[in-house]
Amino acid sequence: MDQTELKSRIKRALLEELDLRGRTEADIDDGAPLFGEGLGLDSLDALQLAMAIEERFGVSVPEGESSRAIFASVNAIAEHITRTKAG
């Protein structure tokens, strides 16, 4: 799967798992922060997202501070999935 398709699937996961009503894939910028001023996600959203990423993409997501960098943006999640699957 190429990076464009991977990022699209990540955005779909965000929309479906976190119930981001009124938003579309096009509304989510690949490089925009997911937490705080970006999509405004919180720690509960992070847990849901971690489980969804593990389930949908078959990669593990570390707990705690090390997951912060992974969930920085759609780009960062895609990087983590690509790196984990390649290793």
N, C-alpha and C. Protein backbone atom coordinates (compact mmCIF):
# COMPACT_ATOMS: atom_id res chain seq x y z
N MET A 1 0.85 -1.17 0.00
CA MET A 1 0.00 0.00 0.00
C MET A 1 0.90 1.24 0.00
N ASP A 2 0.57 2.22 -0.84
CA ASP A 2 1.39 3.41 -0.88
C ASP A 2 1.00 4.38 0.24
N GLN A 3 1.81 5.42 0.41
CA GLN A 3 1.62 6.36 1.52
C GLN A 3 0.28 7.11 1.42
N THR A 4 -0.14 7.43 0.22
CA THR A 4 -1.41 8.15 0.05
C THR A 4 -2.57 7.30 0.53
N GLU A 5 -2.59 6.03 0.14
CA GLU A 5 -3.65 5.11 0.56
C GLU A 5 -3.58 4.88 2.07
N LEU A 6 -2.38 4.72 2.60
CA LEU A 6 -2.20 4.51 4.04
C LEU A 6 -2.76 5.70 4.82
N LYS A 7 -2.43 6.90 4.42
CA LYS A 7 -2.92 8.11 5.11
C LYS A 7 -4.43 8.22 5.00
N SER A 8 -4.98 7.84 3.88
CA SER A 8 -6.44 7.85 3.71
C SER A 8 -7.09 6.86 4.68
N ARG A 9 -6.50 5.68 4.82
CA ARG A 9 -7.04 4.68 5.75
C ARG A 9 -6.92 5.16 7.20
N ILE A 10 -5.84 5.85 7.52
CA ILE A 10 -5.67 6.40 8.87
C ILE A 10 -6.76 7.45 9.14
N LYS A 11 -7.00 8.31 8.17
CA LYS A 11 -8.04 9.33 8.33
C LYS A 11 -9.41 8.70 8.50
N ARG A 12 -9.69 7.65 7.73
CA ARG A 12 -10.98 6.94 7.88
C ARG A 12 -11.09 6.37 9.28
N ALA A 13 -9.99 5.80 9.80
CA ALA A 13 -10.00 5.25 11.16
C ALA A 13 -10.29 6.35 12.17
N LEU A 14 -9.67 7.50 12.00
CA LEU A 14 -9.93 8.63 12.90
C LEU A 14 -11.41 9.01 12.88
N LEU A 15 -11.95 9.16 11.69
CA LEU A 15 -13.35 9.57 11.54
C LEU A 15 -14.31 8.54 12.12
N GLU A 16 -14.06 7.26 11.85
CA GLU A 16 -14.97 6.21 12.29
C GLU A 16 -14.83 5.91 13.78
N GLU A 17 -13.62 5.80 14.26
CA GLU A 17 -13.40 5.40 15.65
C GLU A 17 -13.68 6.52 16.64
N LEU A 18 -13.40 7.76 16.24
CA LEU A 18 -13.53 8.87 17.17
C LEU A 18 -14.79 9.69 16.93
N ASP A 19 -15.61 9.24 15.99
CA ASP A 19 -16.90 9.88 15.73
C ASP A 19 -16.75 11.39 15.55
N LEU A 20 -15.89 11.77 14.62
CA LEU A 20 -15.66 13.18 14.34
C LEU A 20 -16.74 13.69 13.39
N ARG A 21 -17.90 13.94 13.94
CA ARG A 21 -19.06 14.35 13.14
C ARG A 21 -18.81 15.63 12.36
N GLY A 22 -19.33 15.62 11.16
CA GLY A 22 -19.24 16.81 10.33
C GLY A 22 -17.88 17.00 9.67
N ARG A 23 -16.98 16.05 9.86
CA ARG A 23 -15.65 16.16 9.24
C ARG A 23 -15.50 15.09 8.16
N THR A 24 -14.63 15.38 7.22
CA THR A 24 -14.33 14.43 6.16
C THR A 24 -12.82 14.22 6.12
N GLU A 25 -12.39 13.26 5.33
CA GLU A 25 -10.94 13.03 5.18
C GLU A 25 -10.25 14.31 4.73
N ALA A 26 -10.90 15.06 3.84
CA ALA A 26 -10.31 16.29 3.30
C ALA A 26 -10.10 17.35 4.38
N ASP A 27 -10.86 17.27 5.46
CA ASP A 27 -10.74 18.24 6.56
C ASP A 27 -9.51 18.00 7.43
N ILE A 28 -8.91 16.82 7.30
CA ILE A 28 -7.79 16.45 8.16
C ILE A 28 -6.48 16.62 7.38
N ASP A 29 -5.69 17.59 7.77
CA ASP A 29 -4.40 17.84 7.13
C ASP A 29 -3.40 16.80 7.61
N ASP A 30 -2.63 16.22 6.69
CA ASP A 30 -1.67 15.17 7.04
C ASP A 30 -0.68 15.59 8.11
N GLY A 31 -0.27 16.86 8.10
CA GLY A 31 0.75 17.33 9.02
C GLY A 31 0.21 18.06 10.24
N ALA A 32 -1.10 18.25 10.31
CA ALA A 32 -1.70 19.01 11.42
C ALA A 32 -1.68 18.19 12.71
N PRO A 33 -1.51 18.87 13.84
CA PRO A 33 -1.55 18.17 15.12
C PRO A 33 -2.92 17.54 15.36
N LEU A 34 -2.93 16.35 15.93
CA LEU A 34 -4.19 15.68 16.23
C LEU A 34 -4.75 16.11 17.58
N PHE A 35 -3.87 16.53 18.47
CA PHE A 35 -4.28 16.92 19.82
C PHE A 35 -4.16 18.42 19.99
N GLY A 36 -4.85 18.95 20.99
CA GLY A 36 -4.78 20.38 21.26
C GLY A 36 -5.41 21.19 20.15
N GLU A 37 -4.64 22.12 19.58
CA GLU A 37 -5.20 23.05 18.59
C GLU A 37 -5.55 22.41 17.26
N GLY A 38 -5.10 21.19 17.02
CA GLY A 38 -5.41 20.51 15.76
C GLY A 38 -6.84 20.01 15.75
N LEU A 39 -7.01 18.70 15.80
CA LEU A 39 -8.36 18.11 15.83
C LEU A 39 -8.99 18.21 17.21
N GLY A 40 -8.18 18.56 18.20
CA GLY A 40 -8.71 18.71 19.55
C GLY A 40 -8.95 17.39 20.27
N LEU A 41 -8.18 16.37 19.91
CA LEU A 41 -8.34 15.07 20.56
C LEU A 41 -7.81 15.13 21.99
N ASP A 42 -8.28 14.19 22.84
CA ASP A 42 -7.82 14.14 24.22
C ASP A 42 -7.26 12.75 24.54
N SER A 43 -6.94 12.50 25.82
CA SER A 43 -6.29 11.25 26.20
C SER A 43 -7.18 10.03 25.97
N LEU A 44 -8.48 10.17 26.15
CA LEU A 44 -9.39 9.04 25.85
C LEU A 44 -9.38 8.72 24.36
N ASP A 45 -9.34 9.77 23.55
CA ASP A 45 -9.25 9.57 22.11
C ASP A 45 -7.96 8.84 21.75
N ALA A 46 -6.88 9.15 22.45
CA ALA A 46 -5.59 8.50 22.19
C ALA A 46 -5.68 7.01 22.43
N LEU A 47 -6.35 6.61 23.50
CA LEU A 47 -6.52 5.18 23.79
C LEU A 47 -7.32 4.49 22.70
N GLN A 48 -8.43 5.10 22.32
CA GLN A 48 -9.26 4.54 21.26
C GLN A 48 -8.48 4.44 19.96
N LEU A 49 -7.74 5.49 19.66
CA LEU A 49 -6.97 5.52 18.42
C LEU A 49 -5.88 4.45 18.42
N ALA A 50 -5.21 4.29 19.55
CA ALA A 50 -4.16 3.26 19.66
C ALA A 50 -4.74 1.88 19.39
N MET A 51 -5.89 1.58 19.99
CA MET A 51 -6.52 0.27 19.77
C MET A 51 -6.93 0.11 18.32
N ALA A 52 -7.46 1.16 17.71
CA ALA A 52 -7.88 1.08 16.31
C ALA A 52 -6.69 0.86 15.38
N ILE A 53 -5.58 1.56 15.63
CA ILE A 53 -4.39 1.41 14.79
C ILE A 53 -3.84 -0.01 14.92
N GLU A 54 -3.79 -0.52 16.14
CA GLU A 54 -3.29 -1.89 16.35
C GLU A 54 -4.17 -2.90 15.63
N GLU A 55 -5.48 -2.72 15.74
CA GLU A 55 -6.43 -3.66 15.14
C GLU A 55 -6.45 -3.57 13.62
N ARG A 56 -6.52 -2.37 13.09
CA ARG A 56 -6.67 -2.18 11.64
C ARG A 56 -5.38 -2.41 10.86
N PHE A 57 -4.24 -2.08 11.48
CA PHE A 57 -2.98 -2.13 10.74
C PHE A 57 -2.02 -3.20 11.23
N GLY A 58 -2.37 -3.89 12.31
CA GLY A 58 -1.54 -4.98 12.81
C GLY A 58 -0.18 -4.57 13.34
N VAL A 59 -0.11 -3.38 13.90
CA VAL A 59 1.14 -2.91 14.51
C VAL A 59 0.86 -2.55 15.97
N SER A 60 1.89 -2.66 16.81
CA SER A 60 1.68 -2.29 18.20
C SER A 60 2.03 -0.82 18.40
N VAL A 61 1.35 -0.22 19.36
CA VAL A 61 1.59 1.17 19.71
C VAL A 61 2.03 1.19 21.16
N PRO A 62 3.22 1.72 21.43
CA PRO A 62 3.70 1.75 22.81
C PRO A 62 2.82 2.64 23.69
N GLU A 63 2.80 2.35 24.97
CA GLU A 63 2.01 3.16 25.88
C GLU A 63 2.85 4.30 26.44
N GLY A 64 2.18 5.29 26.99
CA GLY A 64 2.87 6.38 27.66
C GLY A 64 3.43 7.43 26.73
N GLU A 65 4.50 8.06 27.22
CA GLU A 65 5.10 9.20 26.51
C GLU A 65 5.57 8.85 25.10
N SER A 66 6.03 7.63 24.89
CA SER A 66 6.56 7.27 23.57
C SER A 66 5.48 7.26 22.49
N SER A 67 4.22 7.16 22.89
CA SER A 67 3.15 7.19 21.89
C SER A 67 2.82 8.61 21.44
N ARG A 68 3.25 9.60 22.21
CA ARG A 68 2.97 11.00 21.84
C ARG A 68 3.49 11.35 20.45
N ALA A 69 4.71 10.97 20.17
CA ALA A 69 5.31 11.28 18.87
C ALA A 69 4.57 10.56 17.74
N ILE A 70 4.12 9.34 18.01
CA ILE A 70 3.41 8.56 16.99
C ILE A 70 2.09 9.23 16.63
N PHE A 71 1.41 9.79 17.63
CA PHE A 71 0.10 10.41 17.40
C PHE A 71 0.17 11.91 17.15
N ALA A 72 1.34 12.41 16.78
CA ALA A 72 1.49 13.84 16.53
C ALA A 72 0.65 14.30 15.34
N SER A 73 0.56 13.46 14.31
CA SER A 73 -0.16 13.82 13.09
C SER A 73 -0.45 12.54 12.29
N VAL A 74 -1.22 12.69 11.23
CA VAL A 74 -1.46 11.56 10.33
C VAL A 74 -0.13 11.10 9.73
N ASN A 75 0.73 12.05 9.37
CA ASN A 75 2.05 11.71 8.82
C ASN A 75 2.84 10.84 9.79
N ALA A 76 2.82 11.21 11.08
CA ALA A 76 3.57 10.47 12.09
C ALA A 76 3.03 9.06 12.28
N ILE A 77 1.71 8.91 12.25
CA ILE A 77 1.10 7.58 12.37
C ILE A 77 1.51 6.72 11.17
N ALA A 78 1.44 7.31 9.98
CA ALA A 78 1.82 6.58 8.76
C ALA A 78 3.28 6.14 8.82
N GLU A 79 4.14 7.02 9.31
CA GLU A 79 5.55 6.69 9.46
C GLU A 79 5.75 5.51 10.40
N HIS A 80 5.05 5.54 11.54
CA HIS A 80 5.16 4.46 12.52
C HIS A 80 4.71 3.13 11.91
N ILE A 81 3.58 3.14 11.21
CA ILE A 81 3.07 1.91 10.60
C ILE A 81 4.06 1.38 9.56
N THR A 82 4.56 2.26 8.71
CA THR A 82 5.50 1.86 7.66
C THR A 82 6.78 1.31 8.26
N ARG A 83 7.32 2.00 9.27
CA ARG A 83 8.57 1.60 9.92
C ARG A 83 8.39 0.25 10.64
N THR A 84 7.26 0.08 11.34
CA THR A 84 7.01 -1.14 12.09
C THR A 84 6.83 -2.35 11.16
N LYS A 85 6.10 -2.14 10.08
CA LYS A 85 5.87 -3.24 9.14
C LYS A 85 7.13 -3.61 8.37
N ALA A 86 8.01 -2.63 8.15
CA ALA A 86 9.26 -2.89 7.42
C ALA A 86 10.25 -3.64 8.30
N GLY A 87 10.17 -3.41 9.63
CA GLY A 87 11.13 -4.01 10.55
C GLY A 87 10.74 -5.38 10.88
